C-alpha atoms as a PDB file:
ATOM      1  CA  MET A   1       2.254 -12.375  12.041  1.00  0.00           C
ATOM      2  CA  LYS A   2       5.316 -10.573  13.424  1.00  0.00           C
ATOM      3  CA  ASN A   3       5.518  -7.853  16.043  1.00  0.00           C
ATOM      4  CA  PHE A   4       8.054  -5.043  16.010  1.00  0.00           C
ATOM      5  CA  THR A   5       8.719  -2.485  18.751  1.00  0.00           C
ATOM      6  CA  ALA A   6       8.721   1.119  17.606  1.00  0.00           C
ATOM      7  CA  VAL A   7      10.166   4.131  19.405  1.00  0.00           C
ATOM      8  CA  ILE A   8       7.850   7.135  19.198  1.00  0.00           C
ATOM      9  CA  GLU A   9       8.581  10.808  19.778  1.00  0.00           C
ATOM     10  CA  ARG A  10       6.646  13.991  19.111  1.00  0.00           C
ATOM     11  CA  ASP A  11       8.498  16.566  17.035  1.00  0.00           C
ATOM     12  CA  ALA A  12       8.428  19.899  18.881  1.00  0.00           C
ATOM     13  CA  ASP A  13       8.588  21.952  15.678  1.00  0.00           C
ATOM     14  CA  THR A  14       5.925  20.188  13.604  1.00  0.00           C
ATOM     15  CA  GLY A  15       3.816  18.501  16.307  1.00  0.00           C
ATOM     16  CA  LEU A  16       3.985  15.269  14.291  1.00  0.00           C
ATOM     17  CA  TYR A  17       4.563  11.880  15.870  1.00  0.00           C
ATOM     18  CA  VAL A  18       7.738  10.274  14.559  1.00  0.00           C
ATOM     19  CA  GLY A  19       8.407   6.566  14.951  1.00  0.00           C
ATOM     20  CA  TRP A  20      11.090   4.070  14.014  1.00  0.00           C
ATOM     21  CA  VAL A  21      11.921   0.455  14.668  1.00  0.00           C
ATOM     22  CA  PRO A  22      15.367   0.241  16.289  1.00  0.00           C
ATOM     23  CA  GLY A  23      17.831  -1.749  14.229  1.00  0.00           C
ATOM     24  CA  PHE A  24      15.523  -2.059  11.197  1.00  0.00           C
ATOM     25  CA  PRO A  25      16.944   0.208   8.467  1.00  0.00           C
ATOM     26  CA  GLY A  26      14.233   2.131   6.645  1.00  0.00           C
ATOM     27  CA  ALA A  27      11.492   1.311   9.165  1.00  0.00           C
ATOM     28  CA  HIS A  28      10.505   4.844  10.107  1.00  0.00           C
ATOM     29  CA  SER A  29       7.561   7.142   9.468  1.00  0.00           C
ATOM     30  CA  GLN A  30       5.506   9.991  10.881  1.00  0.00           C
ATOM     31  CA  GLY A  31       1.875  10.892  11.414  1.00  0.00           C
ATOM     32  CA  ALA A  32      -0.392  13.603  12.772  1.00  0.00           C
ATOM     33  CA  THR A  33      -1.962  11.141  15.239  1.00  0.00           C
ATOM     34  CA  LEU A  34      -0.740   7.979  16.917  1.00  0.00           C
ATOM     35  CA  ASP A  35      -3.220   5.959  14.858  1.00  0.00           C
ATOM     36  CA  GLU A  36      -1.919   7.495  11.635  1.00  0.00           C
ATOM     37  CA  LEU A  37       1.675   6.833  12.704  1.00  0.00           C
ATOM     38  CA  ARG A  38       0.888   3.192  13.526  1.00  0.00           C
ATOM     39  CA  SER A  39      -0.782   2.731  10.153  1.00  0.00           C
ATOM     40  CA  ASN A  40       2.122   4.396   8.332  1.00  0.00           C
ATOM     41  CA  LEU A  41       4.690   2.284  10.193  1.00  0.00           C
ATOM     42  CA  GLN A  42       2.721  -0.868   9.433  1.00  0.00           C
ATOM     43  CA  GLU A  43       2.693   0.011   5.721  1.00  0.00           C
ATOM     44  CA  VAL A  44       6.436   0.751   5.660  1.00  0.00           C
ATOM     45  CA  ILE A  45       7.300  -2.464   7.504  1.00  0.00           C
ATOM     46  CA  GLU A  46       5.088  -4.534   5.189  1.00  0.00           C
ATOM     47  CA  MET A  47       6.867  -3.035   2.152  1.00  0.00           C
ATOM     48  CA  LEU A  48      10.279  -3.720   3.680  1.00  0.00           C
ATOM     49  CA  LEU A  49       9.319  -7.319   4.470  1.00  0.00           C
ATOM     50  CA  GLU A  50       8.462  -7.876   0.800  1.00  0.00           C
ATOM     51  CA  GLU A  51      12.226  -7.735   0.219  1.00  0.00           C
ATOM     52  CA  GLY A  52      12.724 -10.615   2.657  1.00  0.00           C
ATOM     53  CA  ALA A  53      13.256 -11.092   6.358  1.00  0.00           C
ATOM     54  CA  PRO A  54      15.004  -8.125   7.968  1.00  0.00           C
ATOM     55  CA  ARG A  55      18.495  -8.379   9.326  1.00  0.00           C
ATOM     56  CA  LEU A  56      17.960  -6.474  12.536  1.00  0.00           C
ATOM     57  CA  GLU A  57      21.076  -4.549  13.478  1.00  0.00           C
ATOM     58  CA  SER A  58      20.096  -4.060  17.122  1.00  0.00           C
ATOM     59  CA  GLU A  59      17.437  -5.039  19.628  1.00  0.00           C
ATOM     60  CA  PHE A  60      15.211  -2.655  21.594  1.00  0.00           C
ATOM     61  CA  VAL A  61      15.891  -3.182  25.290  1.00  0.00           C
ATOM     62  CA  GLY A  62      13.983  -0.426  27.044  1.00  0.00           C
ATOM     63  CA  THR A  63      14.336   3.040  28.497  1.00  0.00           C
ATOM     64  CA  GLN A  64      16.084   4.436  31.545  1.00  0.00           C
ATOM     65  CA  THR A  65      15.730   7.595  33.553  1.00  0.00           C
ATOM     66  CA  VAL A  66      19.080   9.268  34.121  1.00  0.00           C
ATOM     67  CA  GLU A  67      19.346  11.782  36.945  1.00  0.00           C
ATOM     68  CA  VAL A  68      21.904  14.586  36.754  1.00  0.00           C
ATOM     69  CA  ALA A  69      22.642  17.420  39.157  1.00  0.00           C
END
């Protein structure tokens, strides 16, 4: 079993949750709830893994708060 980190945002126009795995081309989806998004991402990642191990183009490091005047 492999674990992937997904970045999740909520689209202001549609209200949908949008998620993607940084550096994993094609690993993105959306859902009306966080549970639906997780399930959709899991399905997409499983389909992508059928093509072989991913060549991750980047690695998720974290987030930062940036203060501006």
